[in-house]
Amino acid sequence: MKMNSAVPARPLGSVFLLINEVYEANTAREPWQAGDLMLVDNVRTAHGREHFEGPREVLVAMADAVHLADCSPTIEVTAI
């Protein structure tokens, strides 16, 4: 594989630090309340969770892709 000479080589550790900085700069945090539900598009979203203590319940459902234009949302869509 030919390296791009315009991009300086970085030690692997600094690459991980850069990736973490980019993730942190683009992270959206929302406080959770009882009964909250989060839907995540695994194709368009890098997702995870912060460390916490206490019980949690994780439910997973898989489905075919659906375009928002084909849906009738019952709430205002604030992000795509």
Protein backbone atom coordinates (compact mmCIF):
# COMPACT_ATOMS: atom_id res chain seq x y z
CA MET A 1 0.00 0.00 0.00
CA LYS A 2 1.40 3.38 -0.97
CA MET A 3 1.43 6.01 1.78
CA ASN A 4 0.18 9.51 1.00
CA SER A 5 3.28 11.68 1.39
CA ALA A 6 1.09 14.75 2.05
CA VAL A 7 -0.17 13.21 5.31
CA PRO A 8 2.52 12.94 7.99
CA ALA A 9 2.83 9.56 9.72
CA ARG A 10 1.57 9.51 13.33
CA PRO A 11 2.39 7.09 16.11
CA LEU A 12 -0.59 4.79 16.71
CA GLY A 13 -1.23 6.23 20.19
CA SER A 14 -1.67 9.74 18.81
CA VAL A 15 -4.14 8.40 16.22
CA PHE A 16 -6.26 6.91 19.03
CA LEU A 17 -6.11 10.21 20.92
CA LEU A 18 -7.22 12.10 17.81
CA ILE A 19 -10.13 9.70 17.23
CA ASN A 20 -11.21 10.08 20.86
CA GLU A 21 -11.02 13.88 20.58
CA VAL A 22 -13.19 13.85 17.45
CA TYR A 23 -15.74 11.55 19.12
CA GLU A 24 -15.81 13.77 22.22
CA ALA A 25 -16.27 16.92 20.14
CA ASN A 26 -19.26 15.32 18.38
CA THR A 27 -20.88 13.59 21.36
CA ALA A 28 -24.45 14.45 22.32
CA ARG A 29 -25.37 13.65 25.92
CA GLU A 30 -28.93 13.58 27.15
CA PRO A 31 -30.05 13.01 30.74
CA TRP A 32 -32.20 9.89 30.99
CA GLN A 33 -35.56 9.76 32.74
CA ALA A 34 -37.70 6.76 33.67
CA GLY A 35 -39.52 5.48 30.60
CA ASP A 36 -37.11 7.01 28.05
CA LEU A 37 -36.56 5.15 24.79
CA MET A 38 -33.66 5.63 22.38
CA LEU A 39 -33.66 4.52 18.77
CA VAL A 40 -30.25 4.35 17.11
CA ASP A 41 -29.43 4.00 13.43
CA ASN A 42 -26.37 1.74 13.56
CA VAL A 43 -25.36 2.73 10.03
CA ARG A 44 -25.26 6.49 10.63
CA THR A 45 -24.34 6.67 14.32
CA ALA A 46 -21.38 5.77 16.46
CA HIS A 47 -22.95 5.02 19.81
CA GLY A 48 -22.01 3.86 23.26
CA ARG A 49 -22.62 4.70 26.86
CA GLU A 50 -20.79 6.34 29.71
CA HIS A 51 -19.93 4.36 32.83
CA PHE A 52 -22.64 4.24 35.47
CA GLU A 53 -23.65 2.13 38.44
CA GLY A 54 -27.07 0.66 39.06
CA PRO A 55 -29.54 -1.60 37.32
CA ARG A 56 -30.26 -1.27 33.63
CA GLU A 57 -32.51 -2.94 31.13
CA VAL A 58 -31.45 -3.31 27.50
CA LEU A 59 -33.98 -4.38 24.90
CA VAL A 60 -32.96 -4.83 21.27
CA ALA A 61 -35.08 -5.04 18.15
CA MET A 62 -33.83 -5.29 14.57
CA ALA A 63 -35.72 -4.12 11.49
CA ASP A 64 -35.29 -3.29 7.83
CA ALA A 65 -34.27 0.25 6.95
CA VAL A 66 -37.13 2.76 6.85
CA HIS A 67 -36.92 6.21 5.29
CA LEU A 68 -38.23 9.04 7.47
CA ALA A 69 -40.16 10.43 4.49
CA ASP A 70 -42.20 7.19 4.45
CA CYS A 71 -43.22 7.57 8.11
CA SER A 72 -45.80 9.61 9.98
CA PRO A 73 -43.95 10.77 13.13
CA THR A 74 -46.13 11.51 16.15
CA ILE A 75 -43.56 13.98 17.50
CA GLU A 76 -41.46 16.70 15.89
CA VAL A 77 -38.23 15.33 14.42
CA THR A 78 -35.37 17.47 15.75
CA ALA A 79 -32.34 15.65 14.30
CA ILE A 80 -31.64 13.42 11.34
